[in-house]
mmCIF file of all heavy atoms, coordinates in Angstrom:
data_MODEL
# 
_entry.id   MODEL 
# 
loop_
_atom_site.group_PDB 
_atom_site.id 
_atom_site.type_symbol 
_atom_site.label_atom_id 
_atom_site.label_alt_id 
_atom_site.label_comp_id 
_atom_site.label_asym_id 
_atom_site.label_entity_id 
_atom_site.label_seq_id 
_atom_site.pdbx_PDB_ins_code 
_atom_site.Cartn_x 
_atom_site.Cartn_y 
_atom_site.Cartn_z 
_atom_site.occupancy 
_atom_site.B_iso_or_equiv 
_atom_site.pdbx_formal_charge 
_atom_site.auth_seq_id 
_atom_site.auth_comp_id 
_atom_site.auth_asym_id 
_atom_site.auth_atom_id 
_atom_site.pdbx_PDB_model_num 
ATOM 1   N N   . TYR A 1 1  ? -10.773 -3.042 25.734 1.00 0.00 ? 1  TYR A N   1 
ATOM 2   C CA  . TYR A 1 1  ? -10.093 -3.755 24.655 1.00 0.00 ? 1  TYR A CA  1 
ATOM 3   C C   . TYR A 1 1  ? -10.892 -3.692 23.358 1.00 0.00 ? 1  TYR A C   1 
ATOM 4   O O   . TYR A 1 1  ? -10.520 -4.271 22.356 1.00 0.00 ? 1  TYR A O   1 
ATOM 5   C CB  . TYR A 1 1  ? -9.816  -5.207 25.055 1.00 0.00 ? 1  TYR A CB  1 
ATOM 6   C CG  . TYR A 1 1  ? -8.754  -5.324 26.128 1.00 0.00 ? 1  TYR A CG  1 
ATOM 7   C CD1 . TYR A 1 1  ? -8.909  -6.190 27.201 1.00 0.00 ? 1  TYR A CD1 1 
ATOM 8   C CD2 . TYR A 1 1  ? -7.588  -4.557 26.071 1.00 0.00 ? 1  TYR A CD2 1 
ATOM 9   C CE1 . TYR A 1 1  ? -7.934  -6.292 28.185 1.00 0.00 ? 1  TYR A CE1 1 
ATOM 10  C CE2 . TYR A 1 1  ? -6.619  -4.653 27.050 1.00 0.00 ? 1  TYR A CE2 1 
ATOM 11  C CZ  . TYR A 1 1  ? -6.792  -5.515 28.099 1.00 0.00 ? 1  TYR A CZ  1 
ATOM 12  O OH  . TYR A 1 1  ? -5.832  -5.622 29.073 1.00 0.00 ? 1  TYR A OH  1 
ATOM 13  N N   . ASP A 1 2  ? -12.006 -2.956 23.405 1.00 0.00 ? 2  ASP A N   1 
ATOM 14  C CA  . ASP A 1 2  ? -12.762 -2.676 22.193 1.00 0.00 ? 2  ASP A CA  1 
ATOM 15  C C   . ASP A 1 2  ? -12.073 -1.523 21.471 1.00 0.00 ? 2  ASP A C   1 
ATOM 16  O O   . ASP A 1 2  ? -11.715 -0.521 22.090 1.00 0.00 ? 2  ASP A O   1 
ATOM 17  C CB  . ASP A 1 2  ? -14.191 -2.274 22.584 1.00 0.00 ? 2  ASP A CB  1 
ATOM 18  C CG  . ASP A 1 2  ? -15.101 -2.100 21.377 1.00 0.00 ? 2  ASP A CG  1 
ATOM 19  O OD1 . ASP A 1 2  ? -14.603 -1.656 20.325 1.00 0.00 ? 2  ASP A OD1 1 
ATOM 20  O OD2 . ASP A 1 2  ? -16.296 -2.387 21.491 1.00 0.00 ? 2  ASP A OD2 1 
ATOM 21  N N   . ALA A 1 3  ? -11.883 -1.651 20.154 1.00 0.00 ? 3  ALA A N   1 
ATOM 22  C CA  . ALA A 1 3  ? -11.197 -0.608 19.389 1.00 0.00 ? 3  ALA A CA  1 
ATOM 23  C C   . ALA A 1 3  ? -11.848 0.758  19.576 1.00 0.00 ? 3  ALA A C   1 
ATOM 24  O O   . ALA A 1 3  ? -11.177 1.794  19.577 1.00 0.00 ? 3  ALA A O   1 
ATOM 25  C CB  . ALA A 1 3  ? -11.168 -0.974 17.908 1.00 0.00 ? 3  ALA A CB  1 
ATOM 26  N N   . LYS A 1 4  ? -13.172 0.764  19.763 1.00 0.00 ? 4  LYS A N   1 
ATOM 27  C CA  . LYS A 1 4  ? -13.885 2.030  19.876 1.00 0.00 ? 4  LYS A CA  1 
ATOM 28  C C   . LYS A 1 4  ? -13.562 2.768  21.164 1.00 0.00 ? 4  LYS A C   1 
ATOM 29  O O   . LYS A 1 4  ? -13.755 3.981  21.256 1.00 0.00 ? 4  LYS A O   1 
ATOM 30  C CB  . LYS A 1 4  ? -15.393 1.782  19.778 1.00 0.00 ? 4  LYS A CB  1 
ATOM 31  C CG  . LYS A 1 4  ? -15.839 1.271  18.417 1.00 0.00 ? 4  LYS A CG  1 
ATOM 32  C CD  . LYS A 1 4  ? -17.344 1.023  18.405 1.00 0.00 ? 4  LYS A CD  1 
ATOM 33  C CE  . LYS A 1 4  ? -17.786 0.489  17.049 1.00 0.00 ? 4  LYS A CE  1 
ATOM 34  N NZ  . LYS A 1 4  ? -19.247 0.192  17.043 1.00 0.00 ? 4  LYS A NZ  1 
ATOM 35  N N   . THR A 1 5  ? -13.097 2.042  22.192 1.00 0.00 ? 5  THR A N   1 
ATOM 36  C CA  . THR A 1 5  ? -12.793 2.677  23.465 1.00 0.00 ? 5  THR A CA  1 
ATOM 37  C C   . THR A 1 5  ? -11.299 2.675  23.779 1.00 0.00 ? 5  THR A C   1 
ATOM 38  O O   . THR A 1 5  ? -10.887 2.957  24.895 1.00 0.00 ? 5  THR A O   1 
ATOM 39  C CB  . THR A 1 5  ? -13.557 1.970  24.609 1.00 0.00 ? 5  THR A CB  1 
ATOM 40  O OG1 . THR A 1 5  ? -13.258 0.564  24.572 1.00 0.00 ? 5  THR A OG1 1 
ATOM 41  C CG2 . THR A 1 5  ? -15.052 2.161  24.466 1.00 0.00 ? 5  THR A CG2 1 
ATOM 42  N N   . ASP A 1 6  ? -10.477 2.367  22.793 1.00 0.00 ? 6  ASP A N   1 
ATOM 43  C CA  . ASP A 1 6  ? -9.026  2.368  22.945 1.00 0.00 ? 6  ASP A CA  1 
ATOM 44  C C   . ASP A 1 6  ? -8.541  3.786  23.280 1.00 0.00 ? 6  ASP A C   1 
ATOM 45  O O   . ASP A 1 6  ? -8.771  4.725  22.520 1.00 0.00 ? 6  ASP A O   1 
ATOM 46  C CB  . ASP A 1 6  ? -8.390  1.880  21.634 1.00 0.00 ? 6  ASP A CB  1 
ATOM 47  C CG  . ASP A 1 6  ? -6.863  1.878  21.666 1.00 0.00 ? 6  ASP A CG  1 
ATOM 48  O OD1 . ASP A 1 6  ? -6.278  2.164  22.740 1.00 0.00 ? 6  ASP A OD1 1 
ATOM 49  O OD2 . ASP A 1 6  ? -6.263  1.605  20.616 1.00 0.00 ? 6  ASP A OD2 1 
ATOM 50  N N   . TYR A 1 7  ? -7.883  3.930  24.425 1.00 0.00 ? 7  TYR A N   1 
ATOM 51  C CA  . TYR A 1 7  ? -7.395  5.235  24.889 1.00 0.00 ? 7  TYR A CA  1 
ATOM 52  C C   . TYR A 1 7  ? -6.536  5.929  23.835 1.00 0.00 ? 7  TYR A C   1 
ATOM 53  O O   . TYR A 1 7  ? -6.608  7.145  23.651 1.00 0.00 ? 7  TYR A O   1 
ATOM 54  C CB  . TYR A 1 7  ? -6.588  5.018  26.176 1.00 0.00 ? 7  TYR A CB  1 
ATOM 55  C CG  . TYR A 1 7  ? -6.061  6.284  26.829 1.00 0.00 ? 7  TYR A CG  1 
ATOM 56  C CD1 . TYR A 1 7  ? -6.786  6.895  27.856 1.00 0.00 ? 7  TYR A CD1 1 
ATOM 57  C CD2 . TYR A 1 7  ? -4.847  6.845  26.457 1.00 0.00 ? 7  TYR A CD2 1 
ATOM 58  C CE1 . TYR A 1 7  ? -6.300  8.047  28.485 1.00 0.00 ? 7  TYR A CE1 1 
ATOM 59  C CE2 . TYR A 1 7  ? -4.361  7.991  27.078 1.00 0.00 ? 7  TYR A CE2 1 
ATOM 60  C CZ  . TYR A 1 7  ? -5.092  8.579  28.080 1.00 0.00 ? 7  TYR A CZ  1 
ATOM 61  O OH  . TYR A 1 7  ? -4.611  9.718  28.698 1.00 0.00 ? 7  TYR A OH  1 
ATOM 62  N N   . TRP A 1 8  ? -5.709  5.146  23.137 1.00 0.00 ? 8  TRP A N   1 
ATOM 63  C CA  . TRP A 1 8  ? -4.744  5.707  22.187 1.00 0.00 ? 8  TRP A CA  1 
ATOM 64  C C   . TRP A 1 8  ? -5.214  5.610  20.736 1.00 0.00 ? 8  TRP A C   1 
ATOM 65  O O   . TRP A 1 8  ? -4.426  5.816  19.815 1.00 0.00 ? 8  TRP A O   1 
ATOM 66  C CB  . TRP A 1 8  ? -3.396  4.994  22.324 1.00 0.00 ? 8  TRP A CB  1 
ATOM 67  C CG  . TRP A 1 8  ? -2.747  5.166  23.654 1.00 0.00 ? 8  TRP A CG  1 
ATOM 68  C CD1 . TRP A 1 8  ? -2.643  4.239  24.656 1.00 0.00 ? 8  TRP A CD1 1 
ATOM 69  C CD2 . TRP A 1 8  ? -2.094  6.342  24.149 1.00 0.00 ? 8  TRP A CD2 1 
ATOM 70  N NE1 . TRP A 1 8  ? -1.963  4.761  25.729 1.00 0.00 ? 8  TRP A NE1 1 
ATOM 71  C CE2 . TRP A 1 8  ? -1.614  6.040  25.446 1.00 0.00 ? 8  TRP A CE2 1 
ATOM 72  C CE3 . TRP A 1 8  ? -1.863  7.610  23.614 1.00 0.00 ? 8  TRP A CE3 1 
ATOM 73  C CZ2 . TRP A 1 8  ? -0.921  6.971  26.223 1.00 0.00 ? 8  TRP A CZ2 1 
ATOM 74  C CZ3 . TRP A 1 8  ? -1.172  8.543  24.381 1.00 0.00 ? 8  TRP A CZ3 1 
ATOM 75  C CH2 . TRP A 1 8  ? -0.713  8.222  25.668 1.00 0.00 ? 8  TRP A CH2 1 
ATOM 76  N N   . ARG A 1 9  ? -6.483  5.332  20.529 1.00 0.00 ? 9  ARG A N   1 
ATOM 77  C CA  . ARG A 1 9  ? -6.971  5.092  19.170 1.00 0.00 ? 9  ARG A CA  1 
ATOM 78  C C   . ARG A 1 9  ? -6.665  6.255  18.213 1.00 0.00 ? 9  ARG A C   1 
ATOM 79  O O   . ARG A 1 9  ? -6.200  6.045  17.097 1.00 0.00 ? 9  ARG A O   1 
ATOM 80  C CB  . ARG A 1 9  ? -8.479  4.827  19.210 1.00 0.00 ? 9  ARG A CB  1 
ATOM 81  C CG  . ARG A 1 9  ? -9.068  4.437  17.850 1.00 0.00 ? 9  ARG A CG  1 
ATOM 82  C CD  . ARG A 1 9  ? -10.569 4.309  17.936 1.00 0.00 ? 9  ARG A CD  1 
ATOM 83  N NE  . ARG A 1 9  ? -11.136 3.867  16.681 1.00 0.00 ? 9  ARG A NE  1 
ATOM 84  C CZ  . ARG A 1 9  ? -12.400 4.004  16.341 1.00 0.00 ? 9  ARG A CZ  1 
ATOM 85  N NH1 . ARG A 1 9  ? -13.236 4.597  17.180 1.00 0.00 ? 9  ARG A NH1 1 
ATOM 86  N NH2 . ARG A 1 9  ? -12.856 3.577  15.198 1.00 0.00 ? 9  ARG A NH2 1 
ATOM 87  N N   . ARG A 1 10 ? -6.953  7.474  18.647 1.00 0.00 ? 10 ARG A N   1 
ATOM 88  C CA  . ARG A 1 10 ? -6.746  8.615  17.748 1.00 0.00 ? 10 ARG A CA  1 
ATOM 89  C C   . ARG A 1 10 ? -5.281  8.803  17.394 1.00 0.00 ? 10 ARG A C   1 
ATOM 90  O O   . ARG A 1 10 ? -4.950  9.193  16.263 1.00 0.00 ? 10 ARG A O   1 
ATOM 91  C CB  . ARG A 1 10 ? -7.305  9.889  18.384 1.00 0.00 ? 10 ARG A CB  1 
ATOM 92  C CG  . ARG A 1 10 ? -8.818  9.931  18.411 1.00 0.00 ? 10 ARG A CG  1 
ATOM 93  C CD  . ARG A 1 10 ? -9.339  11.320 18.667 1.00 0.00 ? 10 ARG A CD  1 
ATOM 94  N NE  . ARG A 1 10 ? -10.786 11.373 18.615 1.00 0.00 ? 10 ARG A NE  1 
ATOM 95  C CZ  . ARG A 1 10 ? -11.494 12.491 18.745 1.00 0.00 ? 10 ARG A CZ  1 
ATOM 96  N NH1 . ARG A 1 10 ? -10.877 13.640 18.949 1.00 0.00 ? 10 ARG A NH1 1 
ATOM 97  N NH2 . ARG A 1 10 ? -12.816 12.455 18.683 1.00 0.00 ? 10 ARG A NH2 1 
ATOM 98  N N   . LEU A 1 11 ? -4.391  8.527  18.326 1.00 0.00 ? 11 LEU A N   1 
ATOM 99  C CA  . LEU A 1 11 ? -2.970  8.664  18.022 1.00 0.00 ? 11 LEU A CA  1 
ATOM 100 C C   . LEU A 1 11 ? -2.526  7.579  17.047 1.00 0.00 ? 11 LEU A C   1 
ATOM 101 O O   . LEU A 1 11 ? -1.775  7.850  16.100 1.00 0.00 ? 11 LEU A O   1 
ATOM 102 C CB  . LEU A 1 11 ? -2.139  8.605  19.303 1.00 0.00 ? 11 LEU A CB  1 
ATOM 103 C CG  . LEU A 1 11 ? -0.622  8.747  19.100 1.00 0.00 ? 11 LEU A CG  1 
ATOM 104 C CD1 . LEU A 1 11 ? -0.284  10.038 18.342 1.00 0.00 ? 11 LEU A CD1 1 
ATOM 105 C CD2 . LEU A 1 11 ? 0.095   8.718  20.445 1.00 0.00 ? 11 LEU A CD2 1 
ATOM 106 N N   . ARG A 1 12 ? -2.966  6.349  17.264 1.00 0.00 ? 12 ARG A N   1 
ATOM 107 C CA  . ARG A 1 12 ? -2.629  5.270  16.335 1.00 0.00 ? 12 ARG A CA  1 
ATOM 108 C C   . ARG A 1 12 ? -3.087  5.625  14.923 1.00 0.00 ? 12 ARG A C   1 
ATOM 109 O O   . ARG A 1 12 ? -2.335  5.479  13.953 1.00 0.00 ? 12 ARG A O   1 
ATOM 110 C CB  . ARG A 1 12 ? -3.295  3.952  16.759 1.00 0.00 ? 12 ARG A CB  1 
ATOM 111 C CG  . ARG A 1 12 ? -2.797  3.370  18.065 1.00 0.00 ? 12 ARG A CG  1 
ATOM 112 C CD  . ARG A 1 12 ? -3.516  2.053  18.367 1.00 0.00 ? 12 ARG A CD  1 
ATOM 113 N NE  . ARG A 1 12 ? -3.368  1.668  19.738 1.00 0.00 ? 12 ARG A NE  1 
ATOM 114 C CZ  . ARG A 1 12 ? -2.284  1.106  20.262 1.00 0.00 ? 12 ARG A CZ  1 
ATOM 115 N NH1 . ARG A 1 12 ? -1.262  0.846  19.477 1.00 0.00 ? 12 ARG A NH1 1 
ATOM 116 N NH2 . ARG A 1 12 ? -2.228  0.786  21.536 1.00 0.00 ? 12 ARG A NH2 1 
ATOM 117 N N   . GLN A 1 13 ? -4.334  6.086  14.824 1.00 0.00 ? 13 GLN A N   1 
ATOM 118 C CA  . GLN A 1 13 ? -4.870  6.440  13.514 1.00 0.00 ? 13 GLN A CA  1 
ATOM 119 C C   . GLN A 1 13 ? -4.089  7.581  12.883 1.00 0.00 ? 13 GLN A C   1 
ATOM 120 O O   . GLN A 1 13 ? -3.842  7.590  11.667 1.00 0.00 ? 13 GLN A O   1 
ATOM 121 C CB  . GLN A 1 13 ? -6.349  6.823  13.647 1.00 0.00 ? 13 GLN A CB  1 
ATOM 122 C CG  . GLN A 1 13 ? -7.261  5.643  14.002 1.00 0.00 ? 13 GLN A CG  1 
ATOM 123 C CD  . GLN A 1 13 ? -8.693  6.067  14.227 1.00 0.00 ? 13 GLN A CD  1 
ATOM 124 O OE1 . GLN A 1 13 ? -8.978  7.193  14.632 1.00 0.00 ? 13 GLN A OE1 1 
ATOM 125 N NE2 . GLN A 1 13 ? -9.623  5.157  13.955 1.00 0.00 ? 13 GLN A NE2 1 
ATOM 126 N N   . ALA A 1 14 ? -3.688  8.559  13.703 1.00 0.00 ? 14 ALA A N   1 
ATOM 127 C CA  . ALA A 1 14 ? -2.940  9.707  13.186 1.00 0.00 ? 14 ALA A CA  1 
ATOM 128 C C   . ALA A 1 14 ? -1.564  9.297  12.677 1.00 0.00 ? 14 ALA A C   1 
ATOM 129 O O   . ALA A 1 14 ? -1.098  9.792  11.641 1.00 0.00 ? 14 ALA A O   1 
ATOM 130 C CB  . ALA A 1 14 ? -2.802  10.773 14.275 1.00 0.00 ? 14 ALA A CB  1 
ATOM 131 N N   . ILE A 1 15 ? -0.905  8.378  13.394 1.00 0.00 ? 15 ILE A N   1 
ATOM 132 C CA  . ILE A 1 15 ? 0.422   7.923  12.968 1.00 0.00 ? 15 ILE A CA  1 
ATOM 133 C C   . ILE A 1 15 ? 0.314   7.131  11.672 1.00 0.00 ? 15 ILE A C   1 
ATOM 134 O O   . ILE A 1 15 ? 1.124   7.304  10.751 1.00 0.00 ? 15 ILE A O   1 
ATOM 135 C CB  . ILE A 1 15 ? 1.096   7.091  14.090 1.00 0.00 ? 15 ILE A CB  1 
ATOM 136 C CG1 . ILE A 1 15 ? 1.435   7.995  15.273 1.00 0.00 ? 15 ILE A CG1 1 
ATOM 137 C CG2 . ILE A 1 15 ? 2.360   6.405  13.562 1.00 0.00 ? 15 ILE A CG2 1 
ATOM 138 C CD1 . ILE A 1 15 ? 1.963   7.257  16.497 1.00 0.00 ? 15 ILE A CD1 1 
ATOM 139 N N   . ILE A 1 16 ? -0.705  6.277  11.576 1.00 0.00 ? 16 ILE A N   1 
ATOM 140 C CA  . ILE A 1 16 ? -0.911  5.528  10.335 1.00 0.00 ? 16 ILE A CA  1 
ATOM 141 C C   . ILE A 1 16 ? -1.152  6.483  9.170  1.00 0.00 ? 16 ILE A C   1 
ATOM 142 O O   . ILE A 1 16 ? -0.541  6.368  8.099  1.00 0.00 ? 16 ILE A O   1 
ATOM 143 C CB  . ILE A 1 16 ? -2.105  4.554  10.487 1.00 0.00 ? 16 ILE A CB  1 
ATOM 144 C CG1 . ILE A 1 16 ? -1.782  3.455  11.506 1.00 0.00 ? 16 ILE A CG1 1 
ATOM 145 C CG2 . ILE A 1 16 ? -2.462  3.925  9.134  1.00 0.00 ? 16 ILE A CG2 1 
ATOM 146 C CD1 . ILE A 1 16 ? -2.989  2.642  11.933 1.00 0.00 ? 16 ILE A CD1 1 
ATOM 147 N N   . SER A 1 17 ? -2.043  7.454  9.380  1.00 0.00 ? 17 SER A N   1 
ATOM 148 C CA  . SER A 1 17 ? -2.356  8.425  8.334  1.00 0.00 ? 17 SER A CA  1 
ATOM 149 C C   . SER A 1 17 ? -1.130  9.246  7.958  1.00 0.00 ? 17 SER A C   1 
ATOM 150 O O   . SER A 1 17 ? -0.902  9.540  6.770  1.00 0.00 ? 17 SER A O   1 
ATOM 151 C CB  . SER A 1 17 ? -3.477  9.354  8.816  1.00 0.00 ? 17 SER A CB  1 
ATOM 152 O OG  . SER A 1 17 ? -3.769  10.337 7.850  1.00 0.00 ? 17 SER A OG  1 
ATOM 153 N N   . PHE A 1 18 ? -0.330  9.624  8.944  1.00 0.00 ? 18 PHE A N   1 
ATOM 154 C CA  . PHE A 1 18 ? 0.888   10.398 8.704  1.00 0.00 ? 18 PHE A CA  1 
ATOM 155 C C   . PHE A 1 18 ? 1.804   9.695  7.706  1.00 0.00 ? 18 PHE A C   1 
ATOM 156 O O   . PHE A 1 18 ? 2.329   10.315 6.780  1.00 0.00 ? 18 PHE A O   1 
ATOM 157 C CB  . PHE A 1 18 ? 1.622   10.616 10.036 1.00 0.00 ? 18 PHE A CB  1 
ATOM 158 C CG  . PHE A 1 18 ? 2.997   11.195 9.908  1.00 0.00 ? 18 PHE A CG  1 
ATOM 159 C CD1 . PHE A 1 18 ? 3.188   12.556 9.755  1.00 0.00 ? 18 PHE A CD1 1 
ATOM 160 C CD2 . PHE A 1 18 ? 4.122   10.372 9.942  1.00 0.00 ? 18 PHE A CD2 1 
ATOM 161 C CE1 . PHE A 1 18 ? 4.471   13.092 9.635  1.00 0.00 ? 18 PHE A CE1 1 
ATOM 162 C CE2 . PHE A 1 18 ? 5.392   10.891 9.821  1.00 0.00 ? 18 PHE A CE2 1 
ATOM 163 C CZ  . PHE A 1 18 ? 5.572   12.261 9.669  1.00 0.00 ? 18 PHE A CZ  1 
ATOM 164 N N   . HIS A 1 19 ? 1.978   8.384  7.892  1.00 0.00 ? 19 HIS A N   1 
ATOM 165 C CA  . HIS A 1 19 ? 2.882   7.639  7.010  1.00 0.00 ? 19 HIS A CA  1 
ATOM 166 C C   . HIS A 1 19 ? 2.234   7.306  5.672  1.00 0.00 ? 19 HIS A C   1 
ATOM 167 O O   . HIS A 1 19 ? 2.875   7.402  4.622  1.00 0.00 ? 19 HIS A O   1 
ATOM 168 C CB  . HIS A 1 19 ? 3.356   6.370  7.710  1.00 0.00 ? 19 HIS A CB  1 
ATOM 169 C CG  . HIS A 1 19 ? 4.315   6.626  8.828  1.00 0.00 ? 19 HIS A CG  1 
ATOM 170 N ND1 . HIS A 1 19 ? 5.598   7.084  8.616  1.00 0.00 ? 19 HIS A ND1 1 
ATOM 171 C CD2 . HIS A 1 19 ? 4.173   6.505  10.175 1.00 0.00 ? 19 HIS A CD2 1 
ATOM 172 C CE1 . HIS A 1 19 ? 6.220   7.232  9.782  1.00 0.00 ? 19 HIS A CE1 1 
ATOM 173 N NE2 . HIS A 1 19 ? 5.371   6.885  10.740 1.00 0.00 ? 19 HIS A NE2 1 
ATOM 174 N N   . LYS A 1 20 ? 0.970   6.925  5.692  1.00 0.00 ? 20 LYS A N   1 
ATOM 175 C CA  . LYS A 1 20 ? 0.290   6.557  4.446  1.00 0.00 ? 20 LYS A CA  1 
ATOM 176 C C   . LYS A 1 20 ? 0.144   7.748  3.513  1.00 0.00 ? 20 LYS A C   1 
ATOM 177 O O   . LYS A 1 20 ? 0.293   7.621  2.287  1.00 0.00 ? 20 LYS A O   1 
ATOM 178 C CB  . LYS A 1 20 ? -1.101  5.986  4.743  1.00 0.00 ? 20 LYS A CB  1 
ATOM 179 C CG  . LYS A 1 20 ? -1.106  4.591  5.304  1.00 0.00 ? 20 LYS A CG  1 
ATOM 180 C CD  . LYS A 1 20 ? -2.522  4.090  5.548  1.00 0.00 ? 20 LYS A CD  1 
ATOM 181 C CE  . LYS A 1 20 ? -3.245  3.774  4.268  1.00 0.00 ? 20 LYS A CE  1 
ATOM 182 N NZ  . LYS A 1 20 ? -4.552  3.103  4.528  1.00 0.00 ? 20 LYS A NZ  1 
ATOM 183 N N   . ASN A 1 21 ? -0.137  8.916  4.080  1.00 0.00 ? 21 ASN A N   1 
ATOM 184 C CA  . ASN A 1 21 ? -0.442  10.098 3.277  1.00 0.00 ? 21 ASN A CA  1 
ATOM 185 C C   . ASN A 1 21 ? 0.676   11.129 3.251  1.00 0.00 ? 21 ASN A C   1 
ATOM 186 O O   . ASN A 1 21 ? 0.477   12.256 2.778  1.00 0.00 ? 21 ASN A O   1 
ATOM 187 C CB  . ASN A 1 21 ? -1.729  10.749 3.796  1.00 0.00 ? 21 ASN A CB  1 
ATOM 188 C CG  . ASN A 1 21 ? -2.890  9.786  3.778  1.00 0.00 ? 21 ASN A CG  1 
ATOM 189 O OD1 . ASN A 1 21 ? -3.130  9.098  2.782  1.00 0.00 ? 21 ASN A OD1 1 
ATOM 190 N ND2 . ASN A 1 21 ? -3.632  9.709  4.881  1.00 0.00 ? 21 ASN A ND2 1 
ATOM 191 N N   . VAL A 1 22 ? 1.862   10.740 3.754  1.00 0.00 ? 22 VAL A N   1 
ATOM 192 C CA  . VAL A 1 22 ? 3.022   11.642 3.810  1.00 0.00 ? 22 VAL A CA  1 
ATOM 193 C C   . VAL A 1 22 ? 2.600   12.962 4.465  1.00 0.00 ? 22 VAL A C   1 
ATOM 194 O O   . VAL A 1 22 ? 2.716   14.052 3.878  1.00 0.00 ? 22 VAL A O   1 
ATOM 195 C CB  . VAL A 1 22 ? 3.623   11.894 2.400  1.00 0.00 ? 22 VAL A CB  1 
ATOM 196 C CG1 . VAL A 1 22 ? 4.989   12.551 2.534  1.00 0.00 ? 22 VAL A CG1 1 
ATOM 197 C CG2 . VAL A 1 22 ? 3.726   10.602 1.606  1.00 0.00 ? 22 VAL A CG2 1 
ATOM 198 N N   . GLY A 1 23 ? 2.114   12.847 5.685  1.00 0.00 ? 23 GLY A N   1 
ATOM 199 C CA  . GLY A 1 23 ? 1.646   14.021 6.411  1.00 0.00 ? 23 GLY A CA  1 
ATOM 200 C C   . GLY A 1 23 ? 2.776   14.844 6.995  1.00 0.00 ? 23 GLY A C   1 
ATOM 201 O O   . GLY A 1 23 ? 3.960   14.551 6.806  1.00 0.00 ? 23 GLY A O   1 
ATOM 202 N N   . SER A 1 24 ? 2.393   15.877 7.735  1.00 0.00 ? 24 SER A N   1 
ATOM 203 C CA  . SER A 1 24 ? 3.366   16.778 8.349  1.00 0.00 ? 24 SER A CA  1 
ATOM 204 C C   . SER A 1 24 ? 3.423   16.555 9.861  1.00 0.00 ? 24 SER A C   1 
ATOM 205 O O   . SER A 1 24 ? 2.493   15.993 10.457 1.00 0.00 ? 24 SER A O   1 
ATOM 206 C CB  . SER A 1 24 ? 2.998   18.235 8.071  1.00 0.00 ? 24 SER A CB  1 
ATOM 207 O OG  . SER A 1 24 ? 1.815   18.583 8.784  1.00 0.00 ? 24 SER A OG  1 
ATOM 208 N N   . ILE A 1 25 ? 4.502   17.038 10.467 1.00 0.00 ? 25 ILE A N   1 
ATOM 209 C CA  . ILE A 1 25 ? 4.631   16.962 11.925 1.00 0.00 ? 25 ILE A CA  1 
ATOM 210 C C   . ILE A 1 25 ? 3.483   17.709 12.593 1.00 0.00 ? 25 ILE A C   1 
ATOM 211 O O   . ILE A 1 25 ? 2.969   17.297 13.633 1.00 0.00 ? 25 ILE A O   1 
ATOM 212 C CB  . ILE A 1 25 ? 5.984   17.550 12.375 1.00 0.00 ? 25 ILE A CB  1 
ATOM 213 C CG1 . ILE A 1 25 ? 7.138   16.689 11.843 1.00 0.00 ? 25 ILE A CG1 1 
ATOM 214 C CG2 . ILE A 1 25 ? 6.054   17.647 13.894 1.00 0.00 ? 25 ILE A CG2 1 
ATOM 215 C CD1 . ILE A 1 25 ? 7.162   15.268 12.335 1.00 0.00 ? 25 ILE A CD1 1 
ATOM 216 N N   . ASP A 1 26 ? 3.055   18.804 11.977 1.00 0.00 ? 26 ASP A N   1 
ATOM 217 C CA  . ASP A 1 26 ? 1.941   19.574 12.535 1.00 0.00 ? 26 ASP A CA  1 
ATOM 218 C C   . ASP A 1 26 ? 0.660   18.741 12.602 1.00 0.00 ? 26 ASP A C   1 
ATOM 219 O O   . ASP A 1 26 ? -0.155  18.909 13.516 1.00 0.00 ? 26 ASP A O   1 
ATOM 220 C CB  . ASP A 1 26 ? 1.695   20.837 11.706 1.00 0.00 ? 26 ASP A CB  1 
ATOM 221 C CG  . ASP A 1 26 ? 2.763   21.899 11.936 1.00 0.00 ? 26 ASP A CG  1 
ATOM 222 O OD1 . ASP A 1 26 ? 3.437   21.827 12.983 1.00 0.00 ? 26 ASP A OD1 1 
ATOM 223 O OD2 . ASP A 1 26 ? 2.921   22.781 11.081 1.00 0.00 ? 26 ASP A OD2 1 
ATOM 224 N N   . ASP A 1 27 ? 0.490   17.827 11.634 1.00 0.00 ? 27 ASP A N   1 
ATOM 225 C CA  . ASP A 1 27 ? -0.682  16.953 11.657 1.00 0.00 ? 27 ASP A CA  1 
ATOM 226 C C   . ASP A 1 27 ? -0.689  16.104 12.924 1.00 0.00 ? 27 ASP A C   1 
ATOM 227 O O   . ASP A 1 27 ? -1.744  15.887 13.539 1.00 0.00 ? 27 ASP A O   1 
ATOM 228 C CB  . ASP A 1 27 ? -0.698  16.024 10.433 1.00 0.00 ? 27 ASP A CB  1 
ATOM 229 C CG  . ASP A 1 27 ? -0.916  16.781 9.129  1.00 0.00 ? 27 ASP A CG  1 
ATOM 230 O OD1 . ASP A 1 27 ? -1.530  17.854 9.168  1.00 0.00 ? 27 ASP A OD1 1 
ATOM 231 O OD2 . ASP A 1 27 ? -0.458  16.283 8.083  1.00 0.00 ? 27 ASP A OD2 1 
ATOM 232 N N   . LEU A 1 28 ? 0.485   15.605 13.306 1.00 0.00 ? 28 LEU A N   1 
ATOM 233 C CA  . LEU A 1 28 ? 0.587   14.806 14.525 1.00 0.00 ? 28 LEU A CA  1 
ATOM 234 C C   . LEU A 1 28 ? 0.334   15.668 15.762 1.00 0.00 ? 28 LEU A C   1 
ATOM 235 O O   . LEU A 1 28 ? -0.391  15.259 16.680 1.00 0.00 ? 28 LEU A O   1 
ATOM 236 C CB  . LEU A 1 28 ? 1.968   14.153 14.621 1.00 0.00 ? 28 LEU A CB  1 
ATOM 237 C CG  . LEU A 1 28 ? 2.289   13.035 13.629 1.00 0.00 ? 28 LEU A CG  1 
ATOM 238 C CD1 . LEU A 1 28 ? 3.724   12.556 13.830 1.00 0.00 ? 28 LEU A CD1 1 
ATOM 239 C CD2 . LEU A 1 28 ? 1.325   11.870 13.785 1.00 0.00 ? 28 LEU A CD2 1 
# 
């Protein structure tokens, strides 16, 4: 339950970045 060991942390961060920075599907 520590953010640093969250199994899905990288995906959460990628989805946030995708929307904040108007990313591409390839980024995901």
